[in-house]
Amino acid sequence: MNKHVLITGANRGIGLALVEKHQALGDVVYAVCRKASAALLAFKNVHVIENINVSNDQDLERLKITLASTKLDIVINNAGIMSEEVLGGIDFSAVIKQFTVNAIGPLKTTQALLGNLKSGSKVAIITSRMGSIGDNGSGGWYGYRMSKSAVNSAAVSLAQDLKPKGISVVLLHPGFVQTDLVDQQGDISASVAANNLILRINELVLENTGQLVHANGETLPW
């Protein structure tokens, strides 16, 4: 059965690859982004919803109105930003911006879409193992690490709150992916990452809700 899938940050990288994969599966795709790319607009039968900043209340209200009573099977909170901060010269405005987009954004988006979710729906948050405290053996990257740790915490609360409604939540680390976010220096392509992420979302059930999982299937430490 075709699914109704919403993907944020859908204009490039992993988000764009997820749009491509879900469209190929015959799913109804809602591609949410700040500004649509030519590559995204080239897809047929994809509902592109642009001018949406996932941390902006007015934008999310417009998203709710656009979707109206549409029921979603899967929401993939993929939008995110990254910058590197060095101790002694930390740009705290950049830290706050990463918190706003990476941590608060997925929580705001999920809350805005509660009326579009139903029993059996799934919420995926694309996080990073860099948000794992137990896995941090190299330091640095203060804003990104902190923002991802924060969204990990939020997702566990979401999992607890949504479980009685039959809605499951998963935190997914996509791997080191060749995207603009890391200047294309990753180990795997966005296409491979998208395939792996879809496999993990397919495995998501209420019994394993709230887990932090690598896209390759490995359970990651908190």
C-alpha atoms as a PDB file:
ATOM      1  CA  MET A   1       0.000   0.000   0.000  1.00  0.00           C
ATOM      2  CA  ASN A   2       1.304   3.445  -0.919  1.00  0.00           C
ATOM      3  CA  LYS A   3       2.272   5.604   2.038  1.00  0.00           C
ATOM      4  CA  HIS A   4       1.908   9.328   2.615  1.00  0.00           C
ATOM      5  CA  VAL A   5       5.416  10.537   3.523  1.00  0.00           C
ATOM      6  CA  LEU A   6       6.551  14.010   4.576  1.00  0.00           C
ATOM      7  CA  ILE A   7      10.251  14.871   4.400  1.00  0.00           C
ATOM      8  CA  THR A   8      11.819  18.110   5.650  1.00  0.00           C
ATOM      9  CA  GLY A   9      15.058  19.455   4.206  1.00  0.00           C
ATOM     10  CA  ALA A  10      13.974  17.835   0.952  1.00  0.00           C
ATOM     11  CA  ASN A  11      15.736  20.094  -1.519  1.00  0.00           C
ATOM     12  CA  ARG A  12      19.175  18.462  -1.425  1.00  0.00           C
ATOM     13  CA  GLY A  13      21.393  15.753   0.058  1.00  0.00           C
ATOM     14  CA  ILE A  14      19.778  13.002   2.074  1.00  0.00           C
ATOM     15  CA  GLY A  15      16.384  14.681   1.956  1.00  0.00           C
ATOM     16  CA  LEU A  16      16.391  14.802  -1.838  1.00  0.00           C
ATOM     17  CA  ALA A  17      17.535  11.170  -2.003  1.00  0.00           C
ATOM     18  CA  LEU A  18      14.684  10.169   0.315  1.00  0.00           C
ATOM     19  CA  VAL A  19      12.218  11.963  -1.960  1.00  0.00           C
ATOM     20  CA  GLU A  20      13.583  10.032  -4.940  1.00  0.00           C
ATOM     21  CA  LYS A  21      13.381   6.657  -3.162  1.00  0.00           C
ATOM     22  CA  HIS A  22       9.875   7.156  -1.796  1.00  0.00           C
ATOM     23  CA  GLN A  23       8.615   8.439  -5.125  1.00  0.00           C
ATOM     24  CA  ALA A  24      10.042   5.351  -6.827  1.00  0.00           C
ATOM     25  CA  LEU A  25       8.175   3.217  -4.292  1.00  0.00           C
ATOM     26  CA  GLY A  26       4.942   4.866  -5.390  1.00  0.00           C
ATOM     27  CA  ASP A  27       4.454   6.775  -2.152  1.00  0.00           C
ATOM     28  CA  VAL A  28       2.716  10.136  -1.952  1.00  0.00           C
ATOM     29  CA  VAL A  29       5.571  12.481  -1.037  1.00  0.00           C
ATOM     30  CA  TYR A  30       5.351  15.906   0.599  1.00  0.00           C
ATOM     31  CA  ALA A  31       8.747  17.543   0.112  1.00  0.00           C
ATOM     32  CA  VAL A  32       9.203  20.377   2.599  1.00  0.00           C
ATOM     33  CA  CYS A  33      12.040  22.888   2.307  1.00  0.00           C
ATOM     34  CA  ARG A  34      12.977  26.543   2.567  1.00  0.00           C
ATOM     35  CA  LYS A  35      13.681  26.885  -1.159  1.00  0.00           C
ATOM     36  CA  ALA A  36      13.083  24.192  -3.735  1.00  0.00           C
ATOM     37  CA  SER A  37      16.047  23.136  -5.858  1.00  0.00           C
ATOM     38  CA  ALA A  38      15.858  22.419  -9.588  1.00  0.00           C
ATOM     39  CA  ALA A  39      16.525  18.752  -8.786  1.00  0.00           C
ATOM     40  CA  LEU A  40      13.534  18.626  -6.442  1.00  0.00           C
ATOM     41  CA  LEU A  41      11.223  20.421  -8.862  1.00  0.00           C
ATOM     42  CA  ALA A  42      12.200  17.942 -11.583  1.00  0.00           C
ATOM     43  CA  PHE A  43      10.338  15.142  -9.809  1.00  0.00           C
ATOM     44  CA  LYS A  44       6.845  14.429 -11.027  1.00  0.00           C
ATOM     45  CA  ASN A  45       3.966  13.694  -8.658  1.00  0.00           C
ATOM     46  CA  VAL A  46       5.802  15.134  -5.640  1.00  0.00           C
ATOM     47  CA  HIS A  47       4.047  17.758  -3.537  1.00  0.00           C
ATOM     48  CA  VAL A  48       6.703  20.434  -3.018  1.00  0.00           C
ATOM     49  CA  ILE A  49       6.000  22.751  -0.090  1.00  0.00           C
ATOM     50  CA  GLU A  50       8.628  25.481   0.073  1.00  0.00           C
ATOM     51  CA  ASN A  51       9.279  28.596   2.147  1.00  0.00           C
ATOM     52  CA  ILE A  52       9.061  26.476   5.300  1.00  0.00           C
ATOM     53  CA  ASN A  53      11.615  27.091   8.029  1.00  0.00           C
ATOM     54  CA  VAL A  54      11.116  24.229  10.503  1.00  0.00           C
ATOM     55  CA  SER A  55      11.808  26.492  13.471  1.00  0.00           C
ATOM     56  CA  ASN A  56       9.401  29.261  12.410  1.00  0.00           C
ATOM     57  CA  ASP A  57       5.922  29.158  13.946  1.00  0.00           C
ATOM     58  CA  GLN A  58       4.222  31.043  11.113  1.00  0.00           C
ATOM     59  CA  ASP A  59       5.771  28.768   8.478  1.00  0.00           C
ATOM     60  CA  LEU A  60       4.665  25.668  10.356  1.00  0.00           C
ATOM     61  CA  GLU A  61       1.149  27.060  10.663  1.00  0.00           C
ATOM     62  CA  ARG A  62       1.091  27.453   6.861  1.00  0.00           C
ATOM     63  CA  LEU A  63       2.303  23.865   6.559  1.00  0.00           C
ATOM     64  CA  LYS A  64      -0.601  22.705   8.729  1.00  0.00           C
ATOM     65  CA  ILE A  65      -3.068  24.624   6.583  1.00  0.00           C
ATOM     66  CA  THR A  66      -1.550  23.239   3.382  1.00  0.00           C
ATOM     67  CA  LEU A  67      -1.843  19.667   4.604  1.00  0.00           C
ATOM     68  CA  ALA A  68      -5.296  20.266   6.150  1.00  0.00           C
ATOM     69  CA  SER A  69      -6.721  16.862   7.077  1.00  0.00           C
ATOM     70  CA  THR A  70      -4.082  14.814   5.192  1.00  0.00           C
ATOM     71  CA  LYS A  71      -3.050  11.774   7.207  1.00  0.00           C
ATOM     72  CA  LEU A  72       0.663  10.990   7.153  1.00  0.00           C
ATOM     73  CA  ASP A  73       2.161   7.528   7.527  1.00  0.00           C
ATOM     74  CA  ILE A  74       5.740   8.732   7.911  1.00  0.00           C
ATOM     75  CA  VAL A  75       7.268  12.050   8.944  1.00  0.00           C
ATOM     76  CA  ILE A  76      11.019  12.325   8.393  1.00  0.00           C
ATOM     77  CA  ASN A  77      12.569  15.274  10.230  1.00  0.00           C
ATOM     78  CA  ASN A  78      15.684  15.635   8.117  1.00  0.00           C
ATOM     79  CA  ALA A  79      16.344  19.395   7.965  1.00  0.00           C
ATOM     80  CA  GLY A  80      19.530  20.384   9.753  1.00  0.00           C
ATOM     81  CA  ILE A  81      22.596  22.614   9.747  1.00  0.00           C
ATOM     82  CA  MET A  82      26.191  22.220  10.918  1.00  0.00           C
ATOM     83  CA  SER A  83      29.080  24.490  11.804  1.00  0.00           C
ATOM     84  CA  GLU A  84      32.356  23.824  13.606  1.00  0.00           C
ATOM     85  CA  GLU A  85      33.262  25.679  16.786  1.00  0.00           C
ATOM     86  CA  VAL A  86      36.730  25.687  18.334  1.00  0.00           C
ATOM     87  CA  LEU A  87      37.207  26.116  22.084  1.00  0.00           C
ATOM     88  CA  GLY A  88      38.492  29.591  22.811  1.00  0.00           C
ATOM     89  CA  GLY A  89      36.760  31.063  19.792  1.00  0.00           C
ATOM     90  CA  ILE A  90      33.235  29.655  19.951  1.00  0.00           C
ATOM     91  CA  ASP A  91      30.661  31.606  17.975  1.00  0.00           C
ATOM     92  CA  PHE A  92      27.717  31.227  20.330  1.00  0.00           C
ATOM     93  CA  SER A  93      25.283  32.683  17.816  1.00  0.00           C
ATOM     94  CA  ALA A  94      26.127  29.691  15.605  1.00  0.00           C
ATOM     95  CA  VAL A  95      25.572  27.352  18.554  1.00  0.00           C
ATOM     96  CA  ILE A  96      22.133  28.857  19.173  1.00  0.00           C
ATOM     97  CA  LYS A  97      21.231  28.653  15.473  1.00  0.00           C
ATOM     98  CA  GLN A  98      22.084  24.942  15.415  1.00  0.00           C
ATOM     99  CA  PHE A  99      19.957  24.377  18.518  1.00  0.00           C
ATOM    100  CA  THR A 100      17.082  26.240  16.894  1.00  0.00           C
ATOM    101  CA  VAL A 101      17.155  24.230  13.660  1.00  0.00           C
ATOM    102  CA  ASN A 102      18.503  20.836  14.748  1.00  0.00           C
ATOM    103  CA  ALA A 103      16.822  20.392  18.130  1.00  0.00           C
ATOM    104  CA  ILE A 104      13.827  22.697  18.349  1.00  0.00           C
ATOM    105  CA  GLY A 105      12.938  22.378  14.649  1.00  0.00           C
ATOM    106  CA  PRO A 106      12.057  18.659  14.684  1.00  0.00           C
ATOM    107  CA  LEU A 107      10.091  19.055  17.921  1.00  0.00           C
ATOM    108  CA  LYS A 108       8.126  22.022  16.572  1.00  0.00           C
ATOM    109  CA  THR A 109       7.479  20.254  13.278  1.00  0.00           C
ATOM    110  CA  THR A 110       6.275  17.070  14.940  1.00  0.00           C
ATOM    111  CA  GLN A 111       4.005  19.022  17.264  1.00  0.00           C
ATOM    112  CA  ALA A 112       2.586  20.985  14.327  1.00  0.00           C
ATOM    113  CA  LEU A 113       1.783  17.737  12.505  1.00  0.00           C
ATOM    114  CA  LEU A 114       0.169  15.873  15.414  1.00  0.00           C
ATOM    115  CA  GLY A 115      -3.229  16.248  13.790  1.00  0.00           C
ATOM    116  CA  ASN A 116      -1.900  14.575  10.648  1.00  0.00           C
ATOM    117  CA  LEU A 117      -0.617  11.505  12.485  1.00  0.00           C
ATOM    118  CA  LYS A 118      -2.655   8.409  13.271  1.00  0.00           C
ATOM    119  CA  SER A 119      -2.224   5.050  14.933  1.00  0.00           C
ATOM    120  CA  GLY A 120       0.488   3.284  12.973  1.00  0.00           C
ATOM    121  CA  SER A 121       2.230   6.490  11.879  1.00  0.00           C
ATOM    122  CA  LYS A 122       6.004   6.751  12.272  1.00  0.00           C
ATOM    123  CA  VAL A 123       8.186   9.742  13.125  1.00  0.00           C
ATOM    124  CA  ALA A 124      11.861   9.588  12.151  1.00  0.00           C
ATOM    125  CA  ILE A 125      14.424  12.151  13.236  1.00  0.00           C
ATOM    126  CA  ILE A 126      17.707  12.239  11.336  1.00  0.00           C
ATOM    127  CA  THR A 127      20.256  12.790  14.069  1.00  0.00           C
ATOM    128  CA  SER A 128      23.979  12.056  14.287  1.00  0.00           C
ATOM    129  CA  ARG A 129      26.199   9.830  16.376  1.00  0.00           C
ATOM    130  CA  MET A 130      28.006  13.089  17.116  1.00  0.00           C
ATOM    131  CA  GLY A 131      25.166  13.723  19.543  1.00  0.00           C
ATOM    132  CA  SER A 132      26.065  10.583  21.477  1.00  0.00           C
ATOM    133  CA  ILE A 133      27.808  11.416  24.752  1.00  0.00           C
ATOM    134  CA  GLY A 134      29.153   7.890  25.158  1.00  0.00           C
ATOM    135  CA  ASP A 135      30.577   7.901  21.626  1.00  0.00           C
ATOM    136  CA  ASN A 136      32.363  11.256  21.858  1.00  0.00           C
ATOM    137  CA  GLY A 137      36.061  10.485  21.742  1.00  0.00           C
ATOM    138  CA  SER A 138      37.250  13.512  19.783  1.00  0.00           C
ATOM    139  CA  GLY A 139      35.575  16.622  21.239  1.00  0.00           C
ATOM    140  CA  GLY A 140      34.897  19.851  19.389  1.00  0.00           C
ATOM    141  CA  TRP A 141      31.849  20.625  17.239  1.00  0.00           C
ATOM    142  CA  TYR A 142      30.103  22.118  20.267  1.00  0.00           C
ATOM    143  CA  GLY A 143      26.932  23.461  18.694  1.00  0.00           C
ATOM    144  CA  TYR A 144      26.302  20.459  16.464  1.00  0.00           C
ATOM    145  CA  ARG A 145      26.987  17.876  19.169  1.00  0.00           C
ATOM    146  CA  MET A 146      24.882  19.711  21.741  1.00  0.00           C
ATOM    147  CA  SER A 147      21.981  20.233  19.341  1.00  0.00           C
ATOM    148  CA  LYS A 148      21.929  16.578  18.354  1.00  0.00           C
ATOM    149  CA  SER A 149      22.119  15.443  22.002  1.00  0.00           C
ATOM    150  CA  ALA A 150      19.162  17.717  22.695  1.00  0.00           C
ATOM    151  CA  VAL A 151      17.056  16.357  19.838  1.00  0.00           C
ATOM    152  CA  ASN A 152      17.912  12.815  20.962  1.00  0.00           C
ATOM    153  CA  SER A 153      16.479  13.637  24.378  1.00  0.00           C
ATOM    154  CA  ALA A 154      13.391  15.231  22.840  1.00  0.00           C
ATOM    155  CA  ALA A 155      12.780  12.182  20.664  1.00  0.00           C
ATOM    156  CA  VAL A 156      12.757   9.818  23.643  1.00  0.00           C
ATOM    157  CA  SER A 157      10.103  12.008  25.266  1.00  0.00           C
ATOM    158  CA  LEU A 158       8.172  12.033  21.995  1.00  0.00           C
ATOM    159  CA  ALA A 159       8.368   8.238  21.880  1.00  0.00           C
ATOM    160  CA  GLN A 160       6.903   7.999  25.363  1.00  0.00           C
ATOM    161  CA  ASP A 161       4.146  10.531  24.710  1.00  0.00           C
ATOM    162  CA  LEU A 162       3.141   9.157  21.305  1.00  0.00           C
ATOM    163  CA  LYS A 163       3.267   5.437  22.111  1.00  0.00           C
ATOM    164  CA  PRO A 164      -0.241   5.397  23.661  1.00  0.00           C
ATOM    165  CA  LYS A 165      -1.509   6.866  20.383  1.00  0.00           C
ATOM    166  CA  GLY A 166       0.079   4.024  18.405  1.00  0.00           C
ATOM    167  CA  ILE A 167       2.756   6.307  16.916  1.00  0.00           C
ATOM    168  CA  SER A 168       6.397   5.189  16.959  1.00  0.00           C
ATOM    169  CA  VAL A 169       9.567   7.304  16.906  1.00  0.00           C
ATOM    170  CA  VAL A 170      13.127   6.535  15.850  1.00  0.00           C
ATOM    171  CA  LEU A 171      16.406   8.462  15.899  1.00  0.00           C
ATOM    172  CA  LEU A 172      18.543   7.628  12.883  1.00  0.00           C
ATOM    173  CA  HIS A 173      22.220   8.308  12.240  1.00  0.00           C
ATOM    174  CA  PRO A 174      22.597   8.101   8.441  1.00  0.00           C
ATOM    175  CA  GLY A 175      26.326   7.401   8.420  1.00  0.00           C
ATOM    176  CA  PHE A 176      29.075   9.665   7.051  1.00  0.00           C
ATOM    177  CA  VAL A 177      27.243  10.748   3.915  1.00  0.00           C
ATOM    178  CA  GLN A 178      28.597  12.610   0.880  1.00  0.00           C
ATOM    179  CA  THR A 179      26.556  15.821   1.127  1.00  0.00           C
ATOM    180  CA  ASP A 180      27.206  19.559   1.001  1.00  0.00           C
ATOM    181  CA  LEU A 181      27.001  19.571   4.810  1.00  0.00           C
ATOM    182  CA  VAL A 182      30.402  17.824   4.939  1.00  0.00           C
ATOM    183  CA  ASP A 183      31.772  19.126   1.621  1.00  0.00           C
ATOM    184  CA  GLN A 184      31.089  15.749  -0.056  1.00  0.00           C
ATOM    185  CA  GLN A 185      33.712  14.035   2.125  1.00  0.00           C
ATOM    186  CA  GLY A 186      31.532  11.166   3.307  1.00  0.00           C
ATOM    187  CA  ASP A 187      31.966   7.399   3.030  1.00  0.00           C
ATOM    188  CA  ILE A 188      28.636   6.637   1.344  1.00  0.00           C
ATOM    189  CA  SER A 189      26.375   8.365  -1.148  1.00  0.00           C
ATOM    190  CA  ALA A 190      23.102  10.021  -0.218  1.00  0.00           C
ATOM    191  CA  SER A 191      21.354   7.366  -2.294  1.00  0.00           C
ATOM    192  CA  VAL A 192      22.824   4.506  -0.243  1.00  0.00           C
ATOM    193  CA  ALA A 193      22.079   6.349   2.979  1.00  0.00           C
ATOM    194  CA  ALA A 194      18.463   6.889   1.920  1.00  0.00           C
ATOM    195  CA  ASN A 195      18.031   3.188   1.159  1.00  0.00           C
ATOM    196  CA  ASN A 196      19.384   2.272   4.588  1.00  0.00           C
ATOM    197  CA  LEU A 197      17.216   4.844   6.359  1.00  0.00           C
ATOM    198  CA  ILE A 198      14.079   3.545   4.668  1.00  0.00           C
ATOM    199  CA  LEU A 199      14.946  -0.001   5.775  1.00  0.00           C
ATOM    200  CA  ARG A 200      15.291   1.132   9.386  1.00  0.00           C
ATOM    201  CA  ILE A 201      12.008   3.071   9.262  1.00  0.00           C
ATOM    202  CA  ASN A 202      10.282  -0.007   7.868  1.00  0.00           C
ATOM    203  CA  GLU A 203      11.551  -1.953  10.896  1.00  0.00           C
ATOM    204  CA  LEU A 204      10.181   0.617  13.340  1.00  0.00           C
ATOM    205  CA  VAL A 205       7.338  -0.640  15.540  1.00  0.00           C
ATOM    206  CA  LEU A 206       5.985   0.363  18.926  1.00  0.00           C
ATOM    207  CA  GLU A 207       8.145  -2.305  20.585  1.00  0.00           C
ATOM    208  CA  ASN A 208      11.382  -0.575  19.531  1.00  0.00           C
ATOM    209  CA  THR A 209      10.212   3.045  19.624  1.00  0.00           C
ATOM    210  CA  GLY A 210      12.636   5.648  20.992  1.00  0.00           C
ATOM    211  CA  GLN A 211      15.863   3.943  19.947  1.00  0.00           C
ATOM    212  CA  LEU A 212      19.025   5.584  18.579  1.00  0.00           C
ATOM    213  CA  VAL A 213      20.027   3.540  15.559  1.00  0.00           C
ATOM    214  CA  HIS A 214      22.703   3.696  12.863  1.00  0.00           C
ATOM    215  CA  ALA A 215      21.241   3.394   9.361  1.00  0.00           C
ATOM    216  CA  ASN A 216      23.242   0.164   9.001  1.00  0.00           C
ATOM    217  CA  GLY A 217      21.157  -1.351  11.811  1.00  0.00           C
ATOM    218  CA  GLU A 218      23.616  -0.920  14.681  1.00  0.00           C
ATOM    219  CA  THR A 219      22.198   0.350  17.986  1.00  0.00           C
ATOM    220  CA  LEU A 220      24.207   3.379  19.102  1.00  0.00           C
ATOM    221  CA  PRO A 221      25.145   4.439  22.647  1.00  0.00           C
ATOM    222  CA  TRP A 222      23.556   7.473  24.234  1.00  0.00           C
END
